[in-house]
Protein backbone atom coordinates (compact mmCIF):
# COMPACT_ATOMS: atom_id res chain seq x y z
CA MET A 1 -75.57 106.18 40.46
CA ALA A 2 -78.56 106.98 38.45
CA THR A 3 -79.31 104.70 35.27
CA GLN A 4 -81.28 104.20 32.26
CA PHE A 5 -79.95 100.97 32.25
CA LEU A 6 -80.52 99.38 35.05
CA ASP A 7 -79.76 95.44 34.88
CA THR A 8 -76.38 95.98 33.15
CA ASP A 9 -75.52 98.66 35.70
CA ALA A 10 -76.71 96.39 38.74
CA ALA A 11 -74.72 93.68 37.60
CA GLY A 12 -71.52 95.92 37.53
CA ALA A 13 -72.37 96.87 41.23
CA GLU A 14 -72.54 93.25 42.01
CA HIS A 15 -68.65 92.90 40.30
CA MET A 16 -67.92 96.18 42.44
CA ALA A 17 -68.91 94.76 45.34
CA GLY A 18 -66.83 91.97 45.09
CA LEU A 19 -64.10 94.23 45.06
CA GLY A 20 -65.21 95.86 48.32
CA ILE A 21 -67.25 99.08 46.96
CA ASP A 22 -70.42 99.37 47.66
CA VAL A 23 -72.74 101.02 44.79
CA ALA A 24 -76.27 101.56 44.53
CA VAL A 25 -78.33 101.70 41.39
CA TYR A 26 -81.33 103.88 41.17
CA PRO A 27 -83.58 103.80 37.86
CA THR A 28 -84.06 107.17 36.57
CA ALA A 29 -87.52 108.56 35.82
CA GLY A 30 -87.21 111.50 34.20
CA GLU A 31 -89.65 113.01 31.51
CA PRO A 32 -89.17 115.64 28.97
CA ALA A 33 -89.73 119.38 29.71
CA PRO A 34 -89.65 122.27 27.61
CA GLY A 35 -86.02 124.00 27.57
CA VAL A 36 -84.47 121.38 30.02
CA PRO A 37 -81.45 119.59 28.31
CA ALA A 38 -81.73 115.97 27.78
CA ARG A 39 -79.15 114.56 29.93
CA VAL A 40 -80.62 116.73 33.04
CA TRP A 41 -84.23 115.39 32.39
CA ARG A 42 -82.78 112.11 31.44
CA GLN A 43 -81.00 111.46 34.84
CA ARG A 44 -83.78 112.36 37.03
CA SER A 45 -84.03 109.84 39.84
CA PRO A 46 -85.95 110.72 42.92
CA GLY A 47 -84.92 107.66 44.89
CA LEU A 48 -81.29 108.84 44.69
CA ARG A 49 -82.05 112.72 45.57
CA ALA A 50 -84.05 111.03 48.66
CA ASP A 51 -80.98 108.87 49.54
CA VAL A 52 -78.30 111.07 49.32
CA GLU A 53 -80.42 113.84 51.66
CA THR A 54 -80.62 111.00 54.16
CA MET A 55 -76.95 110.14 53.92
CA LEU A 56 -75.82 113.94 54.14
CA ARG A 57 -78.06 114.39 57.29
CA SER A 58 -76.79 111.63 58.91
CA GLY A 59 -73.34 113.45 59.57
CA VAL A 60 -71.16 110.34 58.22
CA ILE A 61 -70.08 112.05 54.89
CA ASP A 62 -67.11 113.94 54.19
CA LEU A 63 -67.40 114.47 50.79
CA VAL A 64 -69.76 114.53 47.86
CA HIS A 65 -67.76 113.72 44.54
CA VAL A 66 -70.21 114.07 41.46
CA GLU A 67 -69.52 113.11 37.59
CA GLY A 68 -71.32 115.64 35.71
CA TYR A 69 -72.91 118.77 36.24
CA TYR A 70 -76.33 117.23 35.44
CA MET A 71 -76.07 114.92 38.44
CA THR A 72 -76.07 117.73 41.08
CA GLN A 73 -79.91 117.72 40.65
CA HIS A 74 -79.71 115.03 43.19
CA LEU A 75 -77.94 117.30 46.13
CA PRO A 76 -80.07 119.25 48.32
CA PRO A 77 -79.72 122.91 48.18
CA GLN A 78 -78.16 123.21 51.42
CA ARG A 79 -75.34 121.16 52.41
CA THR A 80 -72.16 121.20 54.65
CA VAL A 81 -69.69 118.93 53.23
CA PRO A 82 -67.55 119.65 50.28
CA LEU A 83 -68.40 118.82 46.75
CA VAL A 84 -65.75 118.17 44.12
CA LEU A 85 -67.64 118.40 40.25
CA THR A 86 -65.68 116.71 37.79
CA GLU A 87 -66.42 117.65 34.26
CA GLU A 88 -65.61 114.56 31.62
CA ASN A 89 -66.37 117.32 29.18
CA VAL A 90 -67.70 120.80 29.26
CA GLU A 91 -71.48 119.89 27.95
CA TYR A 92 -72.64 122.89 26.45
CA LEU A 93 -69.53 123.05 24.06
CA LEU A 94 -70.74 119.79 23.26
CA ASP A 95 -74.41 120.90 23.15
CA ARG A 96 -73.35 123.98 20.75
CA ARG A 97 -71.50 121.70 18.21
CA TRP A 98 -74.47 119.55 18.54
CA GLN A 99 -76.87 122.03 17.59
CA GLU A 100 -74.59 123.49 14.35
CA VAL A 101 -74.45 119.75 13.14
CA HIS A 102 -78.08 118.59 13.76
CA GLY A 103 -80.11 121.37 15.04
CA PRO A 104 -82.14 121.98 18.35
CA GLU A 105 -83.25 119.52 20.74
CA PRO A 106 -86.89 118.53 20.50
CA THR A 107 -88.10 120.04 23.40
CA GLY A 108 -86.35 123.45 22.26
CA ALA A 109 -83.44 123.36 24.89
CA ARG A 110 -80.60 125.29 23.63
CA TRP A 111 -77.05 125.10 24.09
CA GLN A 112 -77.01 128.88 26.17
CA ASP A 113 -79.62 126.73 28.53
CA THR A 114 -76.90 124.11 29.03
CA GLN A 115 -74.43 126.61 29.76
CA ALA A 116 -76.43 128.66 32.48
CA LEU A 117 -77.02 125.28 34.49
CA GLU A 118 -73.80 123.97 33.84
CA ARG A 119 -71.89 126.92 34.90
CA ASN A 120 -73.72 127.40 38.01
CA ALA A 121 -73.41 124.07 39.17
CA TRP A 122 -69.49 124.43 38.94
CA HIS A 123 -69.98 127.74 41.38
CA GLY A 124 -71.70 125.37 43.85
CA ALA A 125 -68.95 123.29 44.23
CA THR A 126 -66.01 123.35 46.42
CA VAL A 127 -63.17 122.12 43.67
CA CYS A 128 -64.39 121.41 39.93
CA THR A 129 -62.09 118.97 37.98
CA ALA A 130 -61.67 118.30 34.37
CA VAL A 131 -60.04 115.69 32.56
CA SER A 132 -58.26 117.57 29.75
CA ALA A 133 -56.07 120.54 29.86
CA ASP A 134 -58.44 122.22 26.79
CA ASP A 135 -61.61 122.25 29.42
CA ALA A 136 -59.69 123.15 32.53
CA ASN A 137 -58.31 126.27 30.91
CA HIS A 138 -61.81 126.97 29.18
CA MET A 139 -63.52 126.46 32.79
CA ALA A 140 -60.92 128.92 34.30
CA GLU A 141 -61.30 131.32 31.63
CA ALA A 142 -65.13 131.46 31.61
CA SER A 143 -65.77 131.48 35.12
CA PRO A 144 -62.76 133.71 36.77
CA GLY A 145 -61.84 132.76 40.54
CA LEU A 146 -63.14 128.99 39.92
CA ASP A 147 -61.17 126.59 41.48
CA VAL A 148 -60.32 123.77 38.52
CA ARG A 149 -57.93 121.29 38.63
CA LEU A 150 -56.74 118.64 36.04
CA THR A 151 -57.49 115.11 36.64
CA PRO A 152 -56.98 113.15 33.34
CA ASN A 153 -57.78 109.77 32.77
CA GLY A 154 -55.11 106.78 33.00
CA ALA A 155 -54.62 104.83 29.94
CA ASP A 156 -53.25 101.51 31.23
CA HIS A 157 -56.02 99.39 31.75
CA LEU A 158 -55.36 97.23 28.39
CA GLY A 159 -52.42 96.50 29.91
CA PRO A 160 -48.69 98.45 29.68
CA VAL A 161 -48.10 100.37 26.44
CA LEU A 162 -46.10 97.99 24.30
CA ALA A 163 -42.68 98.54 23.87
CA GLU A 164 -43.45 97.23 19.91
CA ARG A 165 -46.00 96.76 17.98
CA ARG A 166 -45.00 94.77 14.79
CA PRO A 167 -47.05 95.77 11.74
CA ARG A 168 -49.88 93.35 11.40
CA THR A 169 -49.17 90.73 8.62
CA VAL A 170 -52.33 90.27 6.45
CA PRO A 171 -52.19 86.90 5.43
CA ASP A 172 -53.53 86.08 2.07
CA ASP A 173 -56.85 84.56 3.19
CA GLU A 174 -57.23 87.97 5.69
CA ARG A 175 -58.18 91.20 4.66
CA PRO A 176 -56.98 95.06 5.72
CA THR A 177 -58.98 96.02 8.12
CA VAL A 178 -59.99 99.54 9.43
CA GLY A 179 -61.85 99.36 13.04
CA PHE A 180 -64.42 101.80 14.84
CA ILE A 181 -65.43 100.91 18.51
CA GLY A 182 -68.08 102.98 20.80
CA ASN A 183 -71.39 102.73 22.41
CA TYR A 184 -73.96 103.77 20.09
CA SER A 185 -76.23 104.39 22.93
CA TYR A 186 -73.82 107.66 23.12
CA PRO A 187 -74.80 110.01 20.15
CA PRO A 188 -71.64 111.49 19.47
CA SER A 189 -70.48 107.95 18.81
CA ARG A 190 -73.30 106.93 17.16
CA ASP A 191 -72.83 110.04 15.10
CA ALA A 192 -69.61 108.94 14.04
CA ALA A 193 -70.45 105.36 12.99
CA HIS A 194 -73.00 107.09 10.51
CA GLU A 195 -70.40 109.47 9.52
CA LEU A 196 -67.79 106.48 8.84
CA LEU A 197 -70.44 104.31 7.56
CA ASP A 198 -72.20 106.82 4.93
CA GLN A 199 -69.02 109.11 4.27
CA VAL A 200 -65.87 107.59 4.82
CA TRP A 201 -66.00 104.06 4.01
CA PRO A 202 -67.42 103.97 0.64
CA ARG A 203 -64.20 105.80 -0.31
CA VAL A 204 -61.98 104.07 1.47
CA HIS A 205 -63.35 100.79 0.03
CA ALA A 206 -63.05 102.11 -3.56
CA LEU A 207 -59.48 102.77 -2.82
CA VAL A 208 -58.93 99.18 -1.23
CA PRO A 209 -61.56 96.74 -2.33
CA ARG A 210 -60.38 94.18 -0.29
CA ALA A 211 -60.61 95.90 2.82
CA ARG A 212 -63.03 95.65 5.68
CA LEU A 213 -64.56 97.63 8.22
CA LEU A 214 -65.14 95.98 11.94
CA LEU A 215 -67.91 97.68 13.91
CA ALA A 216 -67.55 96.60 17.44
CA GLY A 217 -69.78 97.88 20.58
CA ALA A 218 -73.02 98.02 22.58
CA ALA A 219 -76.32 99.16 21.64
CA LEU A 220 -76.02 99.24 17.83
CA THR A 221 -79.39 100.77 16.19
CA PRO A 222 -81.45 99.33 13.81
CA ALA A 223 -80.22 102.48 11.61
CA LEU A 224 -76.72 101.40 11.71
CA ARG A 225 -77.37 98.11 11.39
CA ARG A 226 -79.34 98.96 8.12
CA SER A 227 -76.61 101.29 7.09
CA ALA A 228 -73.70 98.67 7.58
CA GLU A 229 -75.61 96.02 5.91
CA GLU A 230 -75.85 98.58 2.50
CA GLN A 231 -72.03 98.97 2.57
CA ALA A 232 -69.55 96.22 1.34
CA GLY A 233 -66.98 94.91 3.48
CA VAL A 234 -68.39 95.74 6.86
CA GLU A 235 -68.77 92.99 9.55
CA LEU A 236 -70.96 93.81 12.93
CA LEU A 237 -68.86 92.63 16.17
CA GLY A 238 -71.59 93.95 18.47
CA GLU A 239 -70.54 94.08 22.25
CA VAL A 240 -67.08 92.71 22.61
CA PRO A 241 -65.74 91.35 26.18
CA ASP A 242 -62.51 93.32 25.37
CA VAL A 243 -61.68 95.82 23.14
CA ALA A 244 -57.86 95.25 23.04
CA THR A 245 -58.45 91.85 20.88
CA VAL A 246 -60.52 94.44 18.58
CA LEU A 247 -57.60 96.67 18.26
CA ASP A 248 -55.35 94.07 17.69
CA ARG A 249 -56.83 92.89 14.73
CA VAL A 250 -57.20 95.99 12.73
CA ASP A 251 -54.69 97.82 10.96
CA VAL A 252 -56.26 101.43 11.07
CA PHE A 253 -58.46 102.89 13.55
CA ALA A 254 -60.91 105.53 12.44
CA ALA A 255 -62.58 108.28 14.74
CA PRO A 256 -64.52 110.03 12.41
CA LEU A 257 -66.29 112.02 15.40
CA ARG A 258 -68.07 115.36 14.83
CA VAL A 259 -69.20 116.08 18.32
CA GLY A 260 -67.69 115.39 21.33
CA GLY A 261 -65.37 117.15 24.33
CA GLY A 262 -62.79 116.06 27.17
CA VAL A 263 -60.40 112.99 25.89
CA LYS A 264 -61.91 110.34 23.74
CA VAL A 265 -61.13 106.68 25.90
CA LYS A 266 -61.59 105.09 22.33
CA VAL A 267 -58.41 107.17 21.01
CA LEU A 268 -56.29 106.58 23.73
CA GLU A 269 -56.82 102.85 23.73
CA ALA A 270 -56.08 102.57 20.32
CA ALA A 271 -52.37 104.64 20.46
CA VAL A 272 -51.61 102.50 23.38
CA ARG A 273 -51.96 99.38 21.24
CA GLY A 274 -49.93 101.29 18.37
CA CYS A 275 -52.73 101.10 16.11
CA PRO A 276 -52.71 103.98 13.59
CA ILE A 277 -55.26 106.41 14.09
CA VAL A 278 -57.15 108.27 11.78
CA THR A 279 -59.53 111.03 13.31
CA THR A 280 -60.93 114.51 13.47
CA PRO A 281 -59.97 117.64 15.22
CA VAL A 282 -62.80 116.54 17.65
CA GLY A 283 -61.18 113.26 18.16
CA ALA A 284 -58.01 114.72 18.73
CA GLN A 285 -59.37 117.23 21.76
CA GLY A 286 -57.64 117.13 24.48
CA LEU A 287 -54.64 115.13 23.58
CA ASP A 288 -50.87 116.50 23.81
CA GLU A 289 -49.26 117.64 21.03
CA ASP A 290 -46.76 114.46 20.40
CA LEU A 291 -49.71 112.24 20.26
CA ARG A 292 -51.85 114.46 18.04
CA ALA A 293 -48.75 114.55 15.79
CA ALA A 294 -48.35 110.68 15.37
CA MET A 295 -52.41 110.91 13.76
CA THR A 296 -53.90 111.81 11.14
CA VAL A 297 -56.20 114.73 11.68
CA THR A 298 -58.47 115.91 9.32
CA ASP A 299 -62.29 116.36 8.75
CA ASN A 300 -61.93 116.19 5.18
CA HIS A 301 -63.76 112.57 4.00
CA GLU A 302 -61.41 112.28 0.77
CA GLU A 303 -58.17 113.13 2.91
CA ALA A 304 -59.00 110.69 5.69
CA ALA A 305 -59.86 108.02 3.11
CA GLU A 306 -56.79 108.28 1.03
CA SER A 307 -55.04 108.08 4.74
CA MET A 308 -56.79 104.98 5.91
CA ALA A 309 -55.98 103.39 1.91
CA ALA A 310 -52.35 104.72 2.46
CA LEU A 311 -51.88 102.88 5.59
CA LEU A 312 -53.85 100.09 4.94
CA ASP A 313 -51.58 99.36 1.59
CA ASP A 314 -48.19 99.68 3.02
CA SER A 315 -46.85 97.84 6.27
CA ALA A 316 -43.81 99.88 6.82
CA HIS A 317 -45.61 103.13 6.87
CA ARG A 318 -48.30 101.63 9.34
CA ALA A 319 -44.89 100.27 11.48
CA ARG A 320 -43.40 104.10 11.42
CA VAL A 321 -46.50 105.23 12.72
CA SER A 322 -47.63 102.38 15.34
CA LYS A 323 -43.78 103.55 16.48
CA GLU A 324 -44.84 106.99 17.02
CA LEU A 325 -47.61 106.35 18.90
CA LEU A 326 -46.28 104.19 21.10
CA LEU A 327 -43.37 106.90 22.08
CA ALA A 328 -45.95 109.53 22.78
CA ALA A 329 -48.01 106.59 24.71
CA ALA A 330 -45.72 106.00 27.01
CA ALA A 331 -46.13 109.61 28.74
CA LEU A 332 -49.45 109.14 28.99
CA PRO A 333 -50.51 108.34 33.07
CA THR A 334 -51.40 105.26 34.59
CA TRP A 335 -54.67 105.06 36.31
CA ASP A 336 -52.54 104.92 39.47
CA ALA A 337 -51.40 108.21 38.82
CA ALA A 338 -54.88 109.17 37.90
CA ALA A 339 -56.35 107.97 41.04
CA ASP A 340 -53.21 109.27 43.15
CA ARG A 341 -54.26 113.03 41.71
CA LEU A 342 -57.72 112.43 42.49
CA TRP A 343 -57.06 111.83 46.05
CA ALA A 344 -54.87 114.55 46.74
CA VAL A 345 -57.89 116.77 45.30
CA TRP A 346 -60.36 115.00 47.88
CA GLY A 347 -58.19 115.62 50.31
CA GLU A 348 -57.28 119.58 49.54
CA ALA A 349 -61.19 120.00 48.98
CA ILE A 350 -61.70 118.25 52.86
CA ALA A 351 -59.14 120.82 54.23
CA THR A 352 -60.76 123.48 52.74
CA GLY A 353 -64.23 122.66 53.83
CA GLU A 354 -62.77 122.18 57.38
CA GLU A 355 -61.40 126.26 56.69
CA ARG A 356 -65.03 127.57 56.54
């Protein structure tokens, strides 16, 4: 894998080696270029590309699996083994939305540049997969003839879905709590945190002055720290070893995402813990109707704040919402089921390659 976080990911590779999985970590060495999407040049790694070519020439590789169209740049133009390309997001849709909100990238890259590169990568793959039905359907409609499959995320990595989540009882010496979790090196998560701090949280705090906001996750930026320090009732937790312990401390999970694609894992995690969720249409992307129906979905700041305040003030209301979420979350796939589905796609891709 190519990474901009070499030390962190190298430690993860050591852990995976203990599980019998060999992972090689390569530093990236990309530089901005006019018209080239940031995720493309940021993932460039000559060392990775050279080693991939060597492995493919060895003849011992049966299949190449790539996560994200931008990683196909490390494959040689000519290859004889099948390729499975997984898209966590349709990136040009994400870029289109980002540019609607923030404008074009500094290099001038447009979402249409991403679209051209991404669709070209799709058609170079034996099979494409997407983690949400929305994205799989879009890919099939946008590129007729494309072999695209749904390989959803699992949702049981925080433990099994709780049979029941009792409404959190807020002691007299504790404050009703809203929470948000994200990796703030990822622009959509960073943008959502700013949206929460600057637009939504002040309204919530005005309605429920005792309330507090817990902001958890890695790579907190100086700008986010300043925004948090300027607001009353905000606590910065930083990186945490287990997000379940954070979710179980909060009464409402806020996910005011303005940009995104695929399925938001943070939203799945909150649902599995039975934590009432207030999110946006972007935050609810890719989820089935039952799960969406159990959330508050709005991109209006006032409505979001009022919904959070109503949940914070009423434990019986929270209990009803938790029960609906848990019933819907019980239908989510496990990681074993997700792995079985991906394994089947790999087998089908290899069989297809052998037929050619």
